Amino acid sequence: MDAPDHRLLKFDDEFVAANKQWIESYRLEIDRLRKDLLQFRSDTKPHGLFSSTLRTGDTTSAAVGSLRDMIVLDPTPDLMNELLIRFCWQELDPQLQAASKRITVDIAKSISESIERHFSSFDEDLLQLDYRQQLRAAVHDRLMRLGSWFRQPEDGFVSATTQQLGDLIIVEAKDSYPTDNPVIEWEGDAFNVAMDGLSVHRMYDCLSVTLHNALKHGERSGRVVIDVRWDSPSIQGVARFKAAVSSRFAKETDRREQLSRLKHSFASGDPEAAMVVEGYSGIRKLRYITRNPDGSSTANFFEGTDTLTVYFSLVVELATKHEEDQ
């Protein structure tokens, strides 16, 4: 780090010598931080602040067990990758906090004391006092910024319930269907259970497809039932949601056309291959998000006496608040 520029100070040889000595001590401190402390601990780096081994505690054991169970419950990559990355950050977080504290408290204190030690005898000249103050402020700012890097990144995710997502989709859909005023009914035991992380976005995309299908092809301003249920969570923080969106046929004469359309949409092609070539939307998007490792999908449809239902299931990450309430 270059010292603040005060050209008049160069006329004082003793001050210039003290400044040179301080810069050398500062560089040695930063080199020690970079080469010895901000390293993974090993035989050659015994003072490293980071450890590459898992912590030996109940929290880590429970998290590893949950990941193992998750492979059995939902081996699809999307949520598994999300949970694995989050687990790694949680394991590393205490070490990141320790590194941040070491930089912003211990090393900042050491360098501040070094500034006083080298410049304390120069307290009569106002320029020299101003230089020391600016130097202390510059070092403090640099170390605080460096320490702030050692923390978990913000993921930008906001927890939400299926009903909150559905209400948002209905509001957005009014632009596409301005004359419609559908009657939305929520059923099931999980529509008010909060999800977190990538699950919120996956649920939004799936629910958007099924709701738009009901609004576009169902009875105008008719009744739309959204049923959301869940399997009792067998893994901490994870559950399988089953959602079904039902609407009445616009006209009885439309039944055959609607059934034919859905049969074709659910049977045609490989949604993953099509997504690469064409992009994806509608039922194809729903099938892609809800795909199983064998290529099948948890999404499908069935007809009732006068209704058509499109359904799907997703393994979702539960919001922390809901976990604490259990």
C-alpha atoms as a PDB file:
ATOM      1  CA  MET A   1       0.000   0.000   0.000  1.00  0.00           C
ATOM      2  CA  ASP A   2       1.418   3.387  -0.982  1.00  0.00           C
ATOM      3  CA  ALA A   3       1.611   5.997   1.694  1.00  0.00           C
ATOM      4  CA  PRO A   4      -0.424   9.224   1.400  1.00  0.00           C
ATOM      5  CA  ASP A   5       1.369  11.837  -0.697  1.00  0.00           C
ATOM      6  CA  HIS A   6       2.833  14.729   1.313  1.00  0.00           C
ATOM      7  CA  ARG A   7       5.821  16.031  -0.626  1.00  0.00           C
ATOM      8  CA  LEU A   8       6.875  18.487   2.095  1.00  0.00           C
ATOM      9  CA  LEU A   9       7.524  15.587   4.467  1.00  0.00           C
ATOM     10  CA  LYS A  10      10.454  14.434   2.336  1.00  0.00           C
ATOM     11  CA  PHE A  11      12.561  17.268   3.690  1.00  0.00           C
ATOM     12  CA  ASP A  12      12.560  15.575   7.119  1.00  0.00           C
ATOM     13  CA  ASP A  13      15.084  12.747   6.788  1.00  0.00           C
ATOM     14  CA  GLU A  14      14.149  11.146  10.106  1.00  0.00           C
ATOM     15  CA  PHE A  15      10.491  11.061   9.226  1.00  0.00           C
ATOM     16  CA  VAL A  16      11.218   9.663   5.778  1.00  0.00           C
ATOM     17  CA  ALA A  17      13.378   6.930   7.366  1.00  0.00           C
ATOM     18  CA  ALA A  18      10.639   6.093   9.856  1.00  0.00           C
ATOM     19  CA  ASN A  19       8.099   5.933   7.032  1.00  0.00           C
ATOM     20  CA  LYS A  20      10.349   3.613   5.046  1.00  0.00           C
ATOM     21  CA  GLN A  21      10.732   1.304   8.058  1.00  0.00           C
ATOM     22  CA  TRP A  22       6.975   1.265   8.609  1.00  0.00           C
ATOM     23  CA  ILE A  23       6.262   0.404   4.947  1.00  0.00           C
ATOM     24  CA  GLU A  24       8.672  -2.508   5.214  1.00  0.00           C
ATOM     25  CA  SER A  25       6.994  -3.792   8.389  1.00  0.00           C
ATOM     26  CA  TYR A  26       3.558  -3.388   6.762  1.00  0.00           C
ATOM     27  CA  ARG A  27       4.598  -5.416   3.724  1.00  0.00           C
ATOM     28  CA  LEU A  28       5.997  -8.147   5.956  1.00  0.00           C
ATOM     29  CA  GLU A  29       2.688  -8.278   7.858  1.00  0.00           C
ATOM     30  CA  ILE A  30       0.675  -8.508   4.634  1.00  0.00           C
ATOM     31  CA  ASP A  31       2.996 -11.197   3.238  1.00  0.00           C
ATOM     32  CA  ARG A  32       2.563 -13.217   6.430  1.00  0.00           C
ATOM     33  CA  LEU A  33      -1.202 -12.841   6.142  1.00  0.00           C
ATOM     34  CA  ARG A  34      -1.215 -13.912   2.507  1.00  0.00           C
ATOM     35  CA  LYS A  35       1.352 -16.725   2.604  1.00  0.00           C
ATOM     36  CA  ASP A  36       0.896 -18.169   6.099  1.00  0.00           C
ATOM     37  CA  LEU A  37      -2.534 -17.301   7.496  1.00  0.00           C
ATOM     38  CA  LEU A  38      -4.933 -17.261   4.541  1.00  0.00           C
ATOM     39  CA  GLN A  39      -4.045 -20.851   3.662  1.00  0.00           C
ATOM     40  CA  PHE A  40      -5.398 -24.297   4.398  1.00  0.00           C
ATOM     41  CA  ARG A  41      -3.658 -25.732   7.438  1.00  0.00           C
ATOM     42  CA  SER A  42      -1.041 -28.409   6.661  1.00  0.00           C
ATOM     43  CA  ASP A  43       2.398 -29.577   7.772  1.00  0.00           C
ATOM     44  CA  THR A  44       3.962 -26.877   5.622  1.00  0.00           C
ATOM     45  CA  LYS A  45       1.364 -24.253   6.639  1.00  0.00           C
ATOM     46  CA  PRO A  46       0.820 -24.878  10.369  1.00  0.00           C
ATOM     47  CA  HIS A  47      -0.594 -21.382  10.949  1.00  0.00           C
ATOM     48  CA  GLY A  48      -3.221 -21.582   8.182  1.00  0.00           C
ATOM     49  CA  LEU A  49      -6.648 -20.351   9.239  1.00  0.00           C
ATOM     50  CA  PHE A  50      -8.602 -22.820   7.104  1.00  0.00           C
ATOM     51  CA  SER A  51      -9.134 -26.549   7.512  1.00  0.00           C
ATOM     52  CA  SER A  52     -10.102 -28.888   4.670  1.00  0.00           C
ATOM     53  CA  THR A  53     -11.657 -31.482   6.990  1.00  0.00           C
ATOM     54  CA  LEU A  54     -15.312 -31.577   8.020  1.00  0.00           C
ATOM     55  CA  ARG A  55     -16.247 -30.394  11.470  1.00  0.00           C
ATOM     56  CA  THR A  56     -16.963 -33.112  14.015  1.00  0.00           C
ATOM     57  CA  GLY A  57     -20.274 -31.997  15.474  1.00  0.00           C
ATOM     58  CA  ASP A  58     -23.913 -32.990  15.561  1.00  0.00           C
ATOM     59  CA  THR A  59     -24.871 -30.280  13.056  1.00  0.00           C
ATOM     60  CA  THR A  60     -22.392 -31.521  10.458  1.00  0.00           C
ATOM     61  CA  SER A  61     -23.356 -35.169  11.006  1.00  0.00           C
ATOM     62  CA  ALA A  62     -27.051 -34.330  10.607  1.00  0.00           C
ATOM     63  CA  ALA A  63     -26.365 -32.324   7.426  1.00  0.00           C
ATOM     64  CA  VAL A  64     -24.296 -35.141   5.881  1.00  0.00           C
ATOM     65  CA  GLY A  65     -27.073 -37.587   6.747  1.00  0.00           C
ATOM     66  CA  SER A  66     -29.650 -35.326   5.113  1.00  0.00           C
ATOM     67  CA  LEU A  67     -27.582 -35.104   1.930  1.00  0.00           C
ATOM     68  CA  ARG A  68     -27.246 -38.892   1.871  1.00  0.00           C
ATOM     69  CA  ASP A  69     -31.004 -39.308   2.284  1.00  0.00           C
ATOM     70  CA  MET A  70     -31.581 -36.644  -0.345  1.00  0.00           C
ATOM     71  CA  ILE A  71     -29.816 -38.746  -2.965  1.00  0.00           C
ATOM     72  CA  VAL A  72     -32.418 -41.469  -2.365  1.00  0.00           C
ATOM     73  CA  LEU A  73     -35.411 -39.130  -2.130  1.00  0.00           C
ATOM     74  CA  ASP A  74     -34.654 -36.924  -5.118  1.00  0.00           C
ATOM     75  CA  PRO A  75     -31.524 -37.755  -7.122  1.00  0.00           C
ATOM     76  CA  THR A  76     -32.195 -35.024  -9.708  1.00  0.00           C
ATOM     77  CA  PRO A  77     -29.308 -32.564  -9.844  1.00  0.00           C
ATOM     78  CA  ASP A  78     -30.964 -29.164  -9.378  1.00  0.00           C
ATOM     79  CA  LEU A  79     -31.956 -29.230  -5.713  1.00  0.00           C
ATOM     80  CA  MET A  80     -29.125 -31.601  -4.794  1.00  0.00           C
ATOM     81  CA  ASN A  81     -26.532 -29.172  -6.152  1.00  0.00           C
ATOM     82  CA  GLU A  82     -28.201 -26.291  -4.332  1.00  0.00           C
ATOM     83  CA  LEU A  83     -28.174 -28.126  -0.995  1.00  0.00           C
ATOM     84  CA  LEU A  84     -24.612 -29.381  -1.481  1.00  0.00           C
ATOM     85  CA  ILE A  85     -23.281 -25.890  -2.170  1.00  0.00           C
ATOM     86  CA  ARG A  86     -25.186 -24.513   0.818  1.00  0.00           C
ATOM     87  CA  PHE A  87     -23.750 -27.282   3.025  1.00  0.00           C
ATOM     88  CA  CYS A  88     -20.212 -26.400   1.925  1.00  0.00           C
ATOM     89  CA  TRP A  89     -20.760 -22.741   2.735  1.00  0.00           C
ATOM     90  CA  GLN A  90     -22.197 -23.626   6.144  1.00  0.00           C
ATOM     91  CA  GLU A  91     -19.153 -25.784   6.884  1.00  0.00           C
ATOM     92  CA  LEU A  92     -16.788 -23.020   5.816  1.00  0.00           C
ATOM     93  CA  ASP A  93     -18.651 -20.140   7.454  1.00  0.00           C
ATOM     94  CA  PRO A  94     -17.054 -20.430  10.942  1.00  0.00           C
ATOM     95  CA  GLN A  95     -13.637 -20.412   9.316  1.00  0.00           C
ATOM     96  CA  LEU A  96     -14.573 -17.383   7.212  1.00  0.00           C
ATOM     97  CA  GLN A  97     -15.746 -15.559  10.325  1.00  0.00           C
ATOM     98  CA  ALA A  98     -12.496 -16.431  12.123  1.00  0.00           C
ATOM     99  CA  ALA A  99     -10.446 -15.147   9.174  1.00  0.00           C
ATOM    100  CA  SER A 100     -12.472 -11.937   9.033  1.00  0.00           C
ATOM    101  CA  LYS A 101     -11.994 -11.380  12.778  1.00  0.00           C
ATOM    102  CA  ARG A 102      -8.267 -12.050  12.486  1.00  0.00           C
ATOM    103  CA  ILE A 103      -7.950  -9.425   9.740  1.00  0.00           C
ATOM    104  CA  THR A 104     -10.291  -6.730  11.053  1.00  0.00           C
ATOM    105  CA  VAL A 105      -9.384  -7.032  14.738  1.00  0.00           C
ATOM    106  CA  ASP A 106      -6.020  -8.680  15.391  1.00  0.00           C
ATOM    107  CA  ILE A 107      -4.058  -7.603  12.325  1.00  0.00           C
ATOM    108  CA  ALA A 108      -5.697  -4.179  12.233  1.00  0.00           C
ATOM    109  CA  LYS A 109      -4.663  -3.663  15.863  1.00  0.00           C
ATOM    110  CA  SER A 110      -1.130  -4.875  15.166  1.00  0.00           C
ATOM    111  CA  ILE A 111      -0.649  -2.542  12.204  1.00  0.00           C
ATOM    112  CA  SER A 112      -2.207   0.389  14.052  1.00  0.00           C
ATOM    113  CA  GLU A 113       0.240  -0.156  16.917  1.00  0.00           C
ATOM    114  CA  SER A 114       3.058  -0.329  14.364  1.00  0.00           C
ATOM    115  CA  ILE A 115       2.035   3.083  12.992  1.00  0.00           C
ATOM    116  CA  GLU A 116       2.142   4.572  16.481  1.00  0.00           C
ATOM    117  CA  ARG A 117       5.437   2.900  17.241  1.00  0.00           C
ATOM    118  CA  HIS A 118       7.125   4.286  14.128  1.00  0.00           C
ATOM    119  CA  PHE A 119       5.589   7.778  14.124  1.00  0.00           C
ATOM    120  CA  SER A 120       4.811   8.591  17.765  1.00  0.00           C
ATOM    121  CA  SER A 121       7.904  10.776  18.128  1.00  0.00           C
ATOM    122  CA  PHE A 122       6.751  13.025  15.295  1.00  0.00           C
ATOM    123  CA  ASP A 123       3.955  14.911  17.010  1.00  0.00           C
ATOM    124  CA  GLU A 124       4.896  18.558  16.594  1.00  0.00           C
ATOM    125  CA  ASP A 125       4.561  19.087  12.854  1.00  0.00           C
ATOM    126  CA  LEU A 126       0.933  19.374  11.728  1.00  0.00           C
ATOM    127  CA  LEU A 127       1.669  17.806   8.344  1.00  0.00           C
ATOM    128  CA  GLN A 128       3.272  14.818  10.017  1.00  0.00           C
ATOM    129  CA  LEU A 129       0.316  14.414  12.366  1.00  0.00           C
ATOM    130  CA  ASP A 130      -2.097  14.670   9.417  1.00  0.00           C
ATOM    131  CA  TYR A 131      -0.041  12.080   7.517  1.00  0.00           C
ATOM    132  CA  ARG A 132      -0.199   9.662  10.432  1.00  0.00           C
ATOM    133  CA  GLN A 133      -3.967  10.121  10.732  1.00  0.00           C
ATOM    134  CA  GLN A 134      -4.514   9.545   7.011  1.00  0.00           C
ATOM    135  CA  LEU A 135      -2.240   6.510   7.078  1.00  0.00           C
ATOM    136  CA  ARG A 136      -4.175   4.994   9.973  1.00  0.00           C
ATOM    137  CA  ALA A 137      -7.492   5.639   8.161  1.00  0.00           C
ATOM    138  CA  ALA A 138      -6.208   4.175   4.886  1.00  0.00           C
ATOM    139  CA  VAL A 139      -4.961   0.994   6.583  1.00  0.00           C
ATOM    140  CA  HIS A 140      -8.223   0.613   8.519  1.00  0.00           C
ATOM    141  CA  ASP A 141     -10.302   0.986   5.344  1.00  0.00           C
ATOM    142  CA  ARG A 142      -8.165  -1.529   3.443  1.00  0.00           C
ATOM    143  CA  LEU A 143      -8.340  -4.161   6.172  1.00  0.00           C
ATOM    144  CA  MET A 144     -12.089  -3.703   6.744  1.00  0.00           C
ATOM    145  CA  ARG A 145     -12.720  -4.240   3.037  1.00  0.00           C
ATOM    146  CA  LEU A 146     -10.448  -7.263   2.971  1.00  0.00           C
ATOM    147  CA  GLY A 147     -12.205  -8.740   6.016  1.00  0.00           C
ATOM    148  CA  SER A 148     -15.615  -8.222   4.412  1.00  0.00           C
ATOM    149  CA  TRP A 149     -14.674 -10.596   1.611  1.00  0.00           C
ATOM    150  CA  PHE A 150     -14.573 -13.534   4.020  1.00  0.00           C
ATOM    151  CA  ARG A 151     -18.273 -14.226   4.412  1.00  0.00           C
ATOM    152  CA  GLN A 152     -20.979 -16.246   2.744  1.00  0.00           C
ATOM    153  CA  PRO A 153     -22.248 -14.653  -0.468  1.00  0.00           C
ATOM    154  CA  GLU A 154     -25.802 -13.377  -0.447  1.00  0.00           C
ATOM    155  CA  ASP A 155     -27.897 -15.778  -2.524  1.00  0.00           C
ATOM    156  CA  GLY A 156     -30.657 -13.290  -3.253  1.00  0.00           C
ATOM    157  CA  PHE A 157     -33.375 -15.836  -2.504  1.00  0.00           C
ATOM    158  CA  VAL A 158     -36.532 -14.845  -0.633  1.00  0.00           C
ATOM    159  CA  SER A 159     -38.705 -17.457   1.052  1.00  0.00           C
ATOM    160  CA  ALA A 160     -42.297 -17.771  -0.158  1.00  0.00           C
ATOM    161  CA  THR A 161     -45.348 -20.015   0.106  1.00  0.00           C
ATOM    162  CA  THR A 162     -47.120 -21.601  -2.836  1.00  0.00           C
ATOM    163  CA  GLN A 163     -50.121 -19.355  -2.215  1.00  0.00           C
ATOM    164  CA  GLN A 164     -47.948 -16.225  -2.312  1.00  0.00           C
ATOM    165  CA  LEU A 165     -46.481 -17.352  -5.630  1.00  0.00           C
ATOM    166  CA  GLY A 166     -49.922 -18.201  -6.977  1.00  0.00           C
ATOM    167  CA  ASP A 167     -51.330 -14.810  -5.997  1.00  0.00           C
ATOM    168  CA  LEU A 168     -48.418 -13.134  -7.807  1.00  0.00           C
ATOM    169  CA  ILE A 169     -49.004 -15.222 -10.937  1.00  0.00           C
ATOM    170  CA  ILE A 170     -52.731 -14.341 -10.913  1.00  0.00           C
ATOM    171  CA  VAL A 171     -51.925 -10.623 -10.715  1.00  0.00           C
ATOM    172  CA  GLU A 172     -49.457 -10.911 -13.606  1.00  0.00           C
ATOM    173  CA  ALA A 173     -51.952 -12.966 -15.638  1.00  0.00           C
ATOM    174  CA  LYS A 174     -54.488 -10.131 -15.631  1.00  0.00           C
ATOM    175  CA  ASP A 175     -52.451  -8.494 -18.414  1.00  0.00           C
ATOM    176  CA  SER A 176     -52.972 -11.589 -20.587  1.00  0.00           C
ATOM    177  CA  TYR A 177     -56.610 -12.175 -19.630  1.00  0.00           C
ATOM    178  CA  PRO A 178     -57.935  -8.678 -18.756  1.00  0.00           C
ATOM    179  CA  THR A 179     -61.636  -9.569 -18.994  1.00  0.00           C
ATOM    180  CA  ASP A 180     -61.385 -12.647 -16.765  1.00  0.00           C
ATOM    181  CA  ASN A 181     -62.126 -12.680 -13.080  1.00  0.00           C
ATOM    182  CA  PRO A 182     -61.479 -16.281 -11.987  1.00  0.00           C
ATOM    183  CA  VAL A 183     -62.496 -17.625  -8.591  1.00  0.00           C
ATOM    184  CA  ILE A 184     -59.319 -19.036  -7.025  1.00  0.00           C
ATOM    185  CA  GLU A 185     -59.675 -21.606  -4.270  1.00  0.00           C
ATOM    186  CA  TRP A 186     -56.779 -23.042  -2.272  1.00  0.00           C
ATOM    187  CA  GLU A 187     -56.921 -26.506  -0.771  1.00  0.00           C
ATOM    188  CA  GLY A 188     -54.532 -28.944   0.896  1.00  0.00           C
ATOM    189  CA  ASP A 189     -52.219 -28.820   3.901  1.00  0.00           C
ATOM    190  CA  ALA A 190     -49.126 -27.226   2.335  1.00  0.00           C
ATOM    191  CA  PHE A 191     -50.105 -24.115   0.374  1.00  0.00           C
ATOM    192  CA  ASN A 192     -49.019 -21.922   3.314  1.00  0.00           C
ATOM    193  CA  VAL A 193     -45.756 -23.784   3.995  1.00  0.00           C
ATOM    194  CA  ALA A 194     -42.788 -21.528   3.155  1.00  0.00           C
ATOM    195  CA  MET A 195     -40.072 -22.684   0.765  1.00  0.00           C
ATOM    196  CA  ASP A 196     -36.574 -21.292   0.360  1.00  0.00           C
ATOM    197  CA  GLY A 197     -33.702 -21.124  -2.092  1.00  0.00           C
ATOM    198  CA  LEU A 198     -33.956 -22.408  -5.637  1.00  0.00           C
ATOM    199  CA  SER A 199     -37.184 -24.236  -4.726  1.00  0.00           C
ATOM    200  CA  VAL A 200     -39.089 -20.930  -4.784  1.00  0.00           C
ATOM    201  CA  HIS A 201     -38.124 -20.338  -8.409  1.00  0.00           C
ATOM    202  CA  ARG A 202     -38.822 -23.924  -9.482  1.00  0.00           C
ATOM    203  CA  MET A 203     -42.245 -23.865  -7.813  1.00  0.00           C
ATOM    204  CA  TYR A 204     -43.045 -20.484  -9.371  1.00  0.00           C
ATOM    205  CA  ASP A 205     -42.199 -21.768 -12.865  1.00  0.00           C
ATOM    206  CA  CYS A 206     -44.249 -24.961 -12.459  1.00  0.00           C
ATOM    207  CA  LEU A 207     -47.232 -23.207 -10.900  1.00  0.00           C
ATOM    208  CA  SER A 208     -47.128 -20.520 -13.585  1.00  0.00           C
ATOM    209  CA  VAL A 209     -47.428 -23.148 -16.333  1.00  0.00           C
ATOM    210  CA  THR A 210     -50.353 -24.946 -14.689  1.00  0.00           C
ATOM    211  CA  LEU A 211     -52.217 -21.767 -13.752  1.00  0.00           C
ATOM    212  CA  HIS A 212     -51.809 -20.190 -17.182  1.00  0.00           C
ATOM    213  CA  ASN A 213     -53.030 -23.447 -18.706  1.00  0.00           C
ATOM    214  CA  ALA A 214     -56.177 -23.287 -16.553  1.00  0.00           C
ATOM    215  CA  LEU A 215     -56.794 -19.598 -17.229  1.00  0.00           C
ATOM    216  CA  LYS A 216     -56.203 -19.843 -20.969  1.00  0.00           C
ATOM    217  CA  HIS A 217     -58.019 -23.070 -21.743  1.00  0.00           C
ATOM    218  CA  GLY A 218     -60.498 -23.385 -18.892  1.00  0.00           C
ATOM    219  CA  GLU A 219     -63.890 -21.793 -18.313  1.00  0.00           C
ATOM    220  CA  ARG A 220     -63.746 -18.010 -18.554  1.00  0.00           C
ATOM    221  CA  SER A 221     -63.940 -16.388 -15.085  1.00  0.00           C
ATOM    222  CA  GLY A 222     -64.575 -19.863 -13.753  1.00  0.00           C
ATOM    223  CA  ARG A 223     -63.488 -21.661 -10.621  1.00  0.00           C
ATOM    224  CA  VAL A 224     -59.822 -22.712 -10.383  1.00  0.00           C
ATOM    225  CA  VAL A 225     -58.815 -25.012  -7.525  1.00  0.00           C
ATOM    226  CA  ILE A 226     -55.172 -25.181  -6.480  1.00  0.00           C
ATOM    227  CA  ASP A 227     -54.499 -28.128  -4.198  1.00  0.00           C
ATOM    228  CA  VAL A 228     -51.080 -28.329  -2.539  1.00  0.00           C
ATOM    229  CA  ARG A 229     -50.183 -31.183  -0.228  1.00  0.00           C
ATOM    230  CA  TRP A 230     -46.942 -32.536   1.119  1.00  0.00           C
ATOM    231  CA  ASP A 231     -45.476 -35.774   2.296  1.00  0.00           C
ATOM    232  CA  SER A 232     -44.459 -35.524   5.935  1.00  0.00           C
ATOM    233  CA  PRO A 233     -40.793 -34.394   5.810  1.00  0.00           C
ATOM    234  CA  SER A 234     -38.462 -37.349   6.318  1.00  0.00           C
ATOM    235  CA  ILE A 235     -35.346 -35.228   5.851  1.00  0.00           C
ATOM    236  CA  GLN A 236     -34.593 -32.106   7.858  1.00  0.00           C
ATOM    237  CA  GLY A 237     -35.390 -29.018   5.810  1.00  0.00           C
ATOM    238  CA  VAL A 238     -36.705 -30.914   2.759  1.00  0.00           C
ATOM    239  CA  ALA A 239     -40.175 -32.107   1.722  1.00  0.00           C
ATOM    240  CA  ARG A 240     -42.021 -33.281  -1.368  1.00  0.00           C
ATOM    241  CA  PHE A 241     -44.873 -30.999  -2.451  1.00  0.00           C
ATOM    242  CA  LYS A 242     -47.673 -32.285  -4.663  1.00  0.00           C
ATOM    243  CA  ALA A 243     -49.592 -29.566  -6.483  1.00  0.00           C
ATOM    244  CA  ALA A 244     -52.664 -29.911  -8.696  1.00  0.00           C
ATOM    245  CA  VAL A 245     -54.495 -27.159 -10.584  1.00  0.00           C
ATOM    246  CA  SER A 246     -58.064 -27.953 -11.678  1.00  0.00           C
ATOM    247  CA  SER A 247     -60.392 -25.941 -13.914  1.00  0.00           C
ATOM    248  CA  ARG A 248     -63.693 -26.564 -15.670  1.00  0.00           C
ATOM    249  CA  PHE A 249     -63.820 -27.147 -19.404  1.00  0.00           C
ATOM    250  CA  ALA A 250     -64.773 -23.948 -21.201  1.00  0.00           C
ATOM    251  CA  LYS A 251     -67.366 -25.935 -23.164  1.00  0.00           C
ATOM    252  CA  GLU A 252     -68.152 -29.626 -23.283  1.00  0.00           C
ATOM    253  CA  THR A 253     -67.271 -29.539 -26.964  1.00  0.00           C
ATOM    254  CA  ASP A 254     -63.753 -28.406 -25.989  1.00  0.00           C
ATOM    255  CA  ARG A 255     -63.077 -31.539 -23.965  1.00  0.00           C
ATOM    256  CA  ARG A 256     -61.723 -33.643 -26.811  1.00  0.00           C
ATOM    257  CA  GLU A 257     -59.530 -30.806 -28.098  1.00  0.00           C
ATOM    258  CA  GLN A 258     -58.065 -30.070 -24.653  1.00  0.00           C
ATOM    259  CA  LEU A 259     -57.363 -33.727 -23.877  1.00  0.00           C
ATOM    260  CA  SER A 260     -55.712 -34.191 -27.254  1.00  0.00           C
ATOM    261  CA  ARG A 261     -53.562 -31.095 -26.723  1.00  0.00           C
ATOM    262  CA  LEU A 262     -52.346 -32.263 -23.324  1.00  0.00           C
ATOM    263  CA  LYS A 263     -51.743 -35.835 -24.451  1.00  0.00           C
ATOM    264  CA  HIS A 264     -49.551 -34.534 -27.243  1.00  0.00           C
ATOM    265  CA  SER A 265     -47.713 -32.087 -24.955  1.00  0.00           C
ATOM    266  CA  PHE A 266     -46.938 -34.718 -22.344  1.00  0.00           C
ATOM    267  CA  ALA A 267     -45.963 -37.401 -24.845  1.00  0.00           C
ATOM    268  CA  SER A 268     -43.959 -35.503 -27.444  1.00  0.00           C
ATOM    269  CA  GLY A 269     -40.175 -35.647 -27.587  1.00  0.00           C
ATOM    270  CA  ASP A 270     -37.468 -35.255 -25.006  1.00  0.00           C
ATOM    271  CA  PRO A 271     -38.004 -31.932 -23.142  1.00  0.00           C
ATOM    272  CA  GLU A 272     -34.322 -31.735 -22.168  1.00  0.00           C
ATOM    273  CA  ALA A 273     -33.098 -32.107 -25.761  1.00  0.00           C
ATOM    274  CA  ALA A 274     -35.780 -29.722 -27.020  1.00  0.00           C
ATOM    275  CA  MET A 275     -34.823 -27.148 -24.410  1.00  0.00           C
ATOM    276  CA  VAL A 276     -31.240 -27.055 -25.745  1.00  0.00           C
ATOM    277  CA  VAL A 277     -32.350 -26.595 -29.345  1.00  0.00           C
ATOM    278  CA  GLU A 278     -35.546 -24.551 -29.055  1.00  0.00           C
ATOM    279  CA  GLY A 279     -35.790 -23.202 -25.530  1.00  0.00           C
ATOM    280  CA  TYR A 280     -38.740 -24.268 -23.465  1.00  0.00           C
ATOM    281  CA  SER A 281     -42.091 -22.996 -22.269  1.00  0.00           C
ATOM    282  CA  GLY A 282     -45.530 -24.288 -21.320  1.00  0.00           C
ATOM    283  CA  ILE A 283     -45.976 -27.983 -20.597  1.00  0.00           C
ATOM    284  CA  ARG A 284     -42.516 -28.722 -21.985  1.00  0.00           C
ATOM    285  CA  LYS A 285     -41.028 -26.451 -19.336  1.00  0.00           C
ATOM    286  CA  LEU A 286     -43.108 -28.151 -16.633  1.00  0.00           C
ATOM    287  CA  ARG A 287     -41.906 -31.574 -17.762  1.00  0.00           C
ATOM    288  CA  TYR A 288     -38.285 -30.419 -17.849  1.00  0.00           C
ATOM    289  CA  ILE A 289     -38.296 -28.975 -14.314  1.00  0.00           C
ATOM    290  CA  THR A 290     -40.049 -32.010 -12.839  1.00  0.00           C
ATOM    291  CA  ARG A 291     -38.008 -34.637 -14.713  1.00  0.00           C
ATOM    292  CA  ASN A 292     -36.717 -37.767 -12.987  1.00  0.00           C
ATOM    293  CA  PRO A 293     -33.279 -39.318 -13.607  1.00  0.00           C
ATOM    294  CA  ASP A 294     -34.837 -41.843 -15.993  1.00  0.00           C
ATOM    295  CA  GLY A 295     -36.262 -39.032 -18.124  1.00  0.00           C
ATOM    296  CA  SER A 296     -39.863 -39.373 -16.932  1.00  0.00           C
ATOM    297  CA  SER A 297     -41.666 -36.492 -15.253  1.00  0.00           C
ATOM    298  CA  THR A 298     -43.700 -36.143 -12.070  1.00  0.00           C
ATOM    299  CA  ALA A 299     -46.124 -33.941 -14.035  1.00  0.00           C
ATOM    300  CA  ASN A 300     -49.223 -35.261 -15.766  1.00  0.00           C
ATOM    301  CA  PHE A 301     -52.965 -34.652 -16.103  1.00  0.00           C
ATOM    302  CA  PHE A 302     -56.319 -36.322 -15.678  1.00  0.00           C
ATOM    303  CA  GLU A 303     -59.931 -35.501 -16.506  1.00  0.00           C
ATOM    304  CA  GLY A 304     -62.884 -35.422 -14.160  1.00  0.00           C
ATOM    305  CA  THR A 305     -66.607 -35.243 -14.850  1.00  0.00           C
ATOM    306  CA  ASP A 306     -66.394 -31.618 -15.948  1.00  0.00           C
ATOM    307  CA  THR A 307     -62.880 -30.625 -14.924  1.00  0.00           C
ATOM    308  CA  LEU A 308     -59.324 -30.972 -16.168  1.00  0.00           C
ATOM    309  CA  THR A 309     -56.437 -31.241 -13.694  1.00  0.00           C
ATOM    310  CA  VAL A 310     -52.722 -30.772 -14.349  1.00  0.00           C
ATOM    311  CA  TYR A 311     -50.486 -31.862 -11.495  1.00  0.00           C
ATOM    312  CA  PHE A 312     -46.841 -32.212 -10.557  1.00  0.00           C
ATOM    313  CA  SER A 313     -44.620 -32.883  -7.557  1.00  0.00           C
ATOM    314  CA  LEU A 314     -41.374 -31.224  -6.465  1.00  0.00           C
ATOM    315  CA  VAL A 315     -38.895 -31.879  -3.711  1.00  0.00           C
ATOM    316  CA  VAL A 316     -38.418 -28.472  -2.080  1.00  0.00           C
ATOM    317  CA  GLU A 317     -36.218 -26.869   0.513  1.00  0.00           C
ATOM    318  CA  LEU A 318     -38.219 -25.583   3.481  1.00  0.00           C
ATOM    319  CA  ALA A 319     -37.654 -22.100   4.855  1.00  0.00           C
ATOM    320  CA  THR A 320     -35.762 -21.927   8.141  1.00  0.00           C
ATOM    321  CA  LYS A 321     -38.654 -20.301   9.995  1.00  0.00           C
ATOM    322  CA  HIS A 322     -40.953 -23.207   9.169  1.00  0.00           C
ATOM    323  CA  GLU A 323     -38.328 -25.714  10.332  1.00  0.00           C
ATOM    324  CA  GLU A 324     -38.034 -23.906  13.659  1.00  0.00           C
ATOM    325  CA  ASP A 325     -41.821 -23.967  14.089  1.00  0.00           C
ATOM    326  CA  GLN A 326     -41.984 -27.759  13.779  1.00  0.00           C
END
